[in-house]
Amino acid sequence: MLLVIDIGNTNTVLGLYQGEELAHTFRVQTNLNSTTDEHGLVFLQLLSVHGLGPGDIEGCIVSSVVPSVLYGVDKALRRYLEVEPMIVGRKLKTGVNVRTDNPREVGADRIVNAVAAIDKWAGPILIIDFGTATTFDCVNARGEYVGGAIAPGFRISEEALFTRTAKLPRVEVERPPHAIGTNTVHAMQSGLFWGYVGLVDGLAERCREELDPAAKVVATGGFAGLVATESKVIEEVDPYLTLRGLRLLHARNQR
């Protein structure tokens, strides 16, 4: 089986592929303080849930936006699963031409998403990834990554309201019953949800105007399904876009 790992700022998502089929997925909190051994024990525990062990893992690929965590994960995979992981960004061939001012600045997850989206839909594509930050990534008709935008994510916005105000409570991010909230919780949820839908649609439309008005808009990430219910621009939701991109990259870089 192939183990694919996407290390994000808030969560780490793992997938197990049997050929081209995504057989199992896991989502765990990204812990900046975990040791190599702690990472290794987590991997073993997750595999054991499905009756699997280190001998079942034939390959591994990792994408990370948290360098300090990547170091421990890399060592844990070698020590506990006895695999040598491919690391996105370490001279892997992506097949995507990055046409930005400084290609090395572009997050690994954004390139991985582009790889998966191009493979499934070709260009032009606008990919919206709802993570700790919400990223907008643009791929032109030639399949070139040309840039995008980065906005605060849902959780960052909610956390800012809670920590920077004296009387506002922490609330769940969800669609409120009405845009006009009749209590503090619903008022905050309205601002978060409808404000975010407006941000996504407005920014996506501006990106499409510059990229290609016919560009397909694809969403992924934790809140993609929630926002897509009211968005006027999101056409497809693919919750496992990044994992699929990792599988494709692993296949392209087989030695």
Protein backbone atom coordinates (compact mmCIF):
# COMPACT_ATOMS: atom_id res chain seq x y z
CA MET A 1 0.00 0.00 0.00
CA LEU A 2 1.04 3.61 -0.53
CA LEU A 3 0.92 5.96 2.47
CA VAL A 4 0.34 9.63 1.58
CA ILE A 5 0.65 12.35 4.23
CA ASP A 6 -0.32 16.02 4.04
CA ILE A 7 1.01 17.97 7.04
CA GLY A 8 -0.92 21.20 7.53
CA ASN A 9 -0.64 23.91 10.16
CA THR A 10 -3.69 22.65 12.07
CA ASN A 11 -4.31 19.08 10.92
CA THR A 12 -2.37 16.29 9.29
CA VAL A 13 -4.32 14.17 6.80
CA LEU A 14 -3.15 10.68 5.90
CA GLY A 15 -4.37 8.33 3.21
CA LEU A 16 -3.70 4.70 2.32
CA TYR A 17 -3.91 3.83 -1.37
CA GLN A 18 -4.36 0.35 -2.75
CA GLY A 19 -3.40 0.99 -6.34
CA GLU A 20 -5.48 3.98 -7.44
CA GLU A 21 -8.15 3.39 -4.79
CA LEU A 22 -8.12 5.46 -1.62
CA ALA A 23 -8.79 2.70 0.89
CA HIS A 24 -8.51 4.57 4.22
CA THR A 25 -8.10 8.15 5.46
CA PHE A 26 -7.14 9.63 8.82
CA ARG A 27 -7.12 13.16 10.20
CA VAL A 28 -5.04 14.01 13.28
CA GLN A 29 -4.02 17.25 14.92
CA THR A 30 -0.64 18.60 13.87
CA ASN A 31 1.42 18.69 17.06
CA LEU A 32 4.46 20.95 16.84
CA ASN A 33 5.98 19.35 19.95
CA SER A 34 5.71 15.66 19.06
CA THR A 35 8.94 13.68 19.10
CA THR A 36 10.04 11.22 16.44
CA ASP A 37 8.90 8.33 18.63
CA GLU A 38 5.50 9.92 19.23
CA HIS A 39 4.99 10.34 15.48
CA GLY A 40 6.00 6.73 14.98
CA LEU A 41 3.56 5.43 17.58
CA VAL A 42 0.73 7.40 15.95
CA PHE A 43 1.51 5.81 12.57
CA LEU A 44 1.51 2.33 14.08
CA GLN A 45 -1.76 2.93 15.93
CA LEU A 46 -3.52 4.27 12.84
CA LEU A 47 -2.41 1.30 10.76
CA SER A 48 -3.47 -1.16 13.45
CA VAL A 49 -7.06 0.16 13.30
CA HIS A 50 -7.36 -1.62 9.95
CA GLY A 51 -5.24 -4.62 10.90
CA LEU A 52 -2.20 -3.30 9.06
CA GLY A 53 1.46 -3.03 10.02
CA PRO A 54 4.74 -1.64 8.71
CA GLY A 55 5.12 -4.57 6.30
CA ASP A 56 1.99 -3.48 4.44
CA ILE A 57 3.45 -0.07 3.49
CA GLU A 58 5.39 -0.28 0.23
CA GLY A 59 5.90 3.43 -0.36
CA CYS A 60 5.27 6.84 1.15
CA ILE A 61 5.12 10.48 0.07
CA VAL A 62 4.81 13.54 2.30
CA SER A 63 3.79 17.15 1.71
CA SER A 64 4.34 19.64 4.53
CA VAL A 65 3.98 23.35 5.24
CA VAL A 66 5.47 22.88 8.74
CA PRO A 67 9.23 22.23 8.45
CA SER A 68 9.73 21.47 12.14
CA VAL A 69 7.11 18.71 12.05
CA LEU A 70 8.37 17.31 8.76
CA TYR A 71 11.76 16.57 10.31
CA GLY A 72 10.25 14.29 13.00
CA VAL A 73 7.78 12.66 10.62
CA ASP A 74 10.55 11.86 8.13
CA LYS A 75 12.64 10.15 10.82
CA ALA A 76 9.61 8.30 12.24
CA LEU A 77 8.65 6.88 8.85
CA ARG A 78 12.16 5.51 8.37
CA ARG A 79 12.47 4.15 11.90
CA TYR A 80 8.99 2.72 12.52
CA LEU A 81 7.60 1.90 9.06
CA GLU A 82 10.97 1.21 7.45
CA VAL A 83 10.16 3.25 4.34
CA GLU A 84 12.10 6.04 2.69
CA PRO A 85 9.51 8.76 2.06
CA MET A 86 9.44 11.02 -0.96
CA ILE A 87 9.21 14.62 0.21
CA VAL A 88 7.45 17.19 -1.97
CA GLY A 89 9.89 20.00 -2.64
CA ARG A 90 12.99 17.84 -2.46
CA LYS A 91 13.73 17.66 -6.18
CA LEU A 92 10.57 15.74 -7.04
CA LYS A 93 9.32 16.09 -10.60
CA THR A 94 5.84 17.63 -10.49
CA GLY A 95 5.16 18.17 -14.19
CA VAL A 96 3.81 21.63 -13.34
CA ASN A 97 5.55 24.78 -14.57
CA VAL A 98 5.38 27.35 -11.75
CA ARG A 99 5.30 30.83 -13.27
CA THR A 100 5.52 33.04 -10.18
CA ASP A 101 8.13 35.61 -9.08
CA ASN A 102 9.73 33.08 -6.73
CA PRO A 103 8.55 29.48 -7.34
CA ARG A 104 10.24 28.27 -4.13
CA GLU A 105 7.85 30.41 -2.07
CA VAL A 106 4.81 28.42 -3.24
CA GLY A 107 3.62 25.98 -0.57
CA ALA A 108 4.02 22.28 -1.32
CA ASP A 109 0.32 21.63 -0.75
CA ARG A 110 -0.62 24.20 -3.40
CA ILE A 111 1.49 22.51 -6.06
CA VAL A 112 0.14 19.09 -5.05
CA ASN A 113 -3.42 20.40 -5.44
CA ALA A 114 -2.54 21.78 -8.87
CA VAL A 115 -1.15 18.40 -9.94
CA ALA A 116 -4.38 16.63 -8.97
CA ALA A 117 -6.67 19.26 -10.49
CA ILE A 118 -4.82 19.35 -13.81
CA ASP A 119 -4.93 15.56 -14.01
CA LYS A 120 -8.70 15.49 -13.47
CA TRP A 121 -9.95 18.63 -15.20
CA ALA A 122 -7.04 20.17 -17.17
CA GLY A 123 -6.82 23.99 -17.24
CA PRO A 124 -7.88 26.66 -16.70
CA ILE A 125 -8.71 25.93 -13.06
CA LEU A 126 -9.12 27.91 -9.86
CA ILE A 127 -8.53 25.75 -6.78
CA ILE A 128 -9.80 26.96 -3.39
CA ASP A 129 -8.36 25.10 -0.41
CA PHE A 130 -10.07 25.71 2.94
CA GLY A 131 -7.33 25.06 5.51
CA THR A 132 -5.81 27.10 8.32
CA ALA A 133 -5.50 29.72 5.61
CA THR A 134 -7.77 29.70 2.57
CA THR A 135 -5.71 29.62 -0.60
CA PHE A 136 -6.78 30.45 -4.15
CA ASP A 137 -4.54 28.80 -6.75
CA CYS A 138 -4.72 29.57 -10.46
CA VAL A 139 -3.73 27.22 -13.28
CA ASN A 140 -3.95 28.53 -16.84
CA ALA A 141 -5.09 26.74 -19.98
CA ARG A 142 -1.53 25.49 -20.60
CA GLY A 143 -1.44 23.77 -17.20
CA GLU A 144 0.93 26.34 -15.68
CA TYR A 145 0.64 27.46 -12.08
CA VAL A 146 0.50 31.26 -12.31
CA GLY A 147 -0.17 32.36 -8.70
CA GLY A 148 -3.15 33.04 -6.49
CA ALA A 149 -4.28 34.57 -3.23
CA ILE A 150 -4.12 33.75 0.49
CA ALA A 151 -6.84 34.73 2.98
CA PRO A 152 -7.32 33.98 6.70
CA GLY A 153 -9.14 30.70 7.23
CA PHE A 154 -12.43 30.19 9.06
CA ARG A 155 -10.73 29.17 12.30
CA ILE A 156 -8.32 32.11 12.24
CA SER A 157 -11.26 34.50 11.78
CA GLU A 158 -13.25 32.87 14.59
CA GLU A 159 -10.22 32.85 16.88
CA ALA A 160 -9.61 36.55 16.22
CA LEU A 161 -13.17 37.44 17.22
CA PHE A 162 -12.92 35.41 20.40
CA THR A 163 -9.46 36.53 21.53
CA ARG A 164 -9.58 40.19 20.49
CA THR A 165 -12.96 41.09 21.99
CA ALA A 166 -13.99 41.16 25.64
CA LYS A 167 -17.53 39.81 25.49
CA LEU A 168 -17.83 37.65 22.37
CA PRO A 169 -17.88 33.88 22.99
CA ARG A 170 -16.23 31.13 20.99
CA VAL A 171 -18.73 29.73 18.47
CA GLU A 172 -18.98 26.80 16.09
CA VAL A 173 -18.44 27.69 12.46
CA GLU A 174 -21.71 26.75 10.77
CA ARG A 175 -24.48 28.19 8.63
CA PRO A 176 -26.78 30.30 10.85
CA PRO A 177 -30.57 30.12 10.46
CA HIS A 178 -30.73 33.71 9.14
CA ALA A 179 -28.36 36.42 7.97
CA ILE A 180 -29.81 38.75 10.62
CA GLY A 181 -28.78 37.16 13.91
CA THR A 182 -31.15 37.66 16.83
CA ASN A 183 -28.56 36.64 19.43
CA THR A 184 -24.81 36.99 19.78
CA VAL A 185 -23.97 33.45 18.65
CA HIS A 186 -26.09 33.65 15.49
CA ALA A 187 -24.81 37.14 14.76
CA MET A 188 -21.22 35.91 14.94
CA GLN A 189 -22.02 32.84 12.84
CA SER A 190 -23.67 35.07 10.26
CA GLY A 191 -20.63 37.30 10.05
CA LEU A 192 -18.29 34.33 9.79
CA PHE A 193 -20.31 32.24 7.36
CA TRP A 194 -21.93 34.81 5.07
CA GLY A 195 -18.91 37.06 5.28
CA TYR A 196 -16.75 34.16 4.20
CA VAL A 197 -19.05 33.14 1.37
CA GLY A 198 -18.85 36.73 0.15
CA LEU A 199 -15.05 36.73 0.44
CA VAL A 200 -14.75 33.46 -1.48
CA ASP A 201 -17.14 34.43 -4.27
CA GLY A 202 -15.74 37.94 -4.62
CA LEU A 203 -12.09 36.89 -4.69
CA ALA A 204 -12.78 33.90 -6.93
CA GLU A 205 -14.56 36.10 -9.47
CA ARG A 206 -11.65 38.56 -9.53
CA CYS A 207 -9.16 35.73 -10.00
CA ARG A 208 -11.25 34.27 -12.81
CA GLU A 209 -11.45 37.62 -14.57
CA GLU A 210 -7.66 37.75 -14.70
CA LEU A 211 -7.08 34.04 -15.33
CA ASP A 212 -9.92 33.03 -17.64
CA PRO A 213 -13.66 33.71 -17.21
CA ALA A 214 -14.29 30.08 -18.17
CA ALA A 215 -11.97 28.67 -15.48
CA LYS A 216 -13.46 25.81 -13.48
CA VAL A 217 -13.67 26.48 -9.73
CA VAL A 218 -12.83 23.52 -7.50
CA ALA A 219 -12.88 23.47 -3.70
CA THR A 220 -11.13 21.21 -1.21
CA GLY A 221 -10.28 21.25 2.50
CA GLY A 222 -12.24 21.00 5.71
CA PHE A 223 -14.86 23.72 5.10
CA ALA A 224 -15.22 23.25 1.34
CA GLY A 225 -18.52 21.41 1.58
CA LEU A 226 -20.02 23.97 3.97
CA VAL A 227 -19.14 27.01 1.84
CA ALA A 228 -20.06 25.27 -1.43
CA THR A 229 -23.70 24.99 -0.32
CA GLU A 230 -24.12 28.75 -0.73
CA SER A 231 -21.27 29.76 -3.05
CA LYS A 232 -22.21 30.99 -6.51
CA VAL A 233 -18.85 30.10 -8.05
CA ILE A 234 -17.73 26.73 -6.62
CA GLU A 235 -18.54 24.02 -9.16
CA GLU A 236 -16.87 20.95 -7.67
CA VAL A 237 -15.91 19.79 -4.18
CA ASP A 238 -13.11 17.23 -3.89
CA PRO A 239 -12.24 16.62 -0.22
CA TYR A 240 -9.27 14.39 -1.09
CA LEU A 241 -7.71 16.48 -3.85
CA THR A 242 -4.38 16.80 -2.02
CA LEU A 243 -4.13 13.08 -1.25
CA ARG A 244 -4.81 12.24 -4.89
CA GLY A 245 -2.14 14.71 -5.97
CA LEU A 246 0.35 13.03 -3.68
CA ARG A 247 -0.42 9.63 -5.20
CA LEU A 248 0.13 11.03 -8.69
CA LEU A 249 3.44 12.61 -7.69
CA HIS A 250 4.64 9.35 -6.17
CA ALA A 251 3.85 7.52 -9.40
CA ARG A 252 5.69 10.14 -11.47
CA ASN A 253 8.82 9.88 -9.35
CA GLN A 254 9.15 6.13 -9.00
CA ARG A 255 12.80 5.18 -9.28
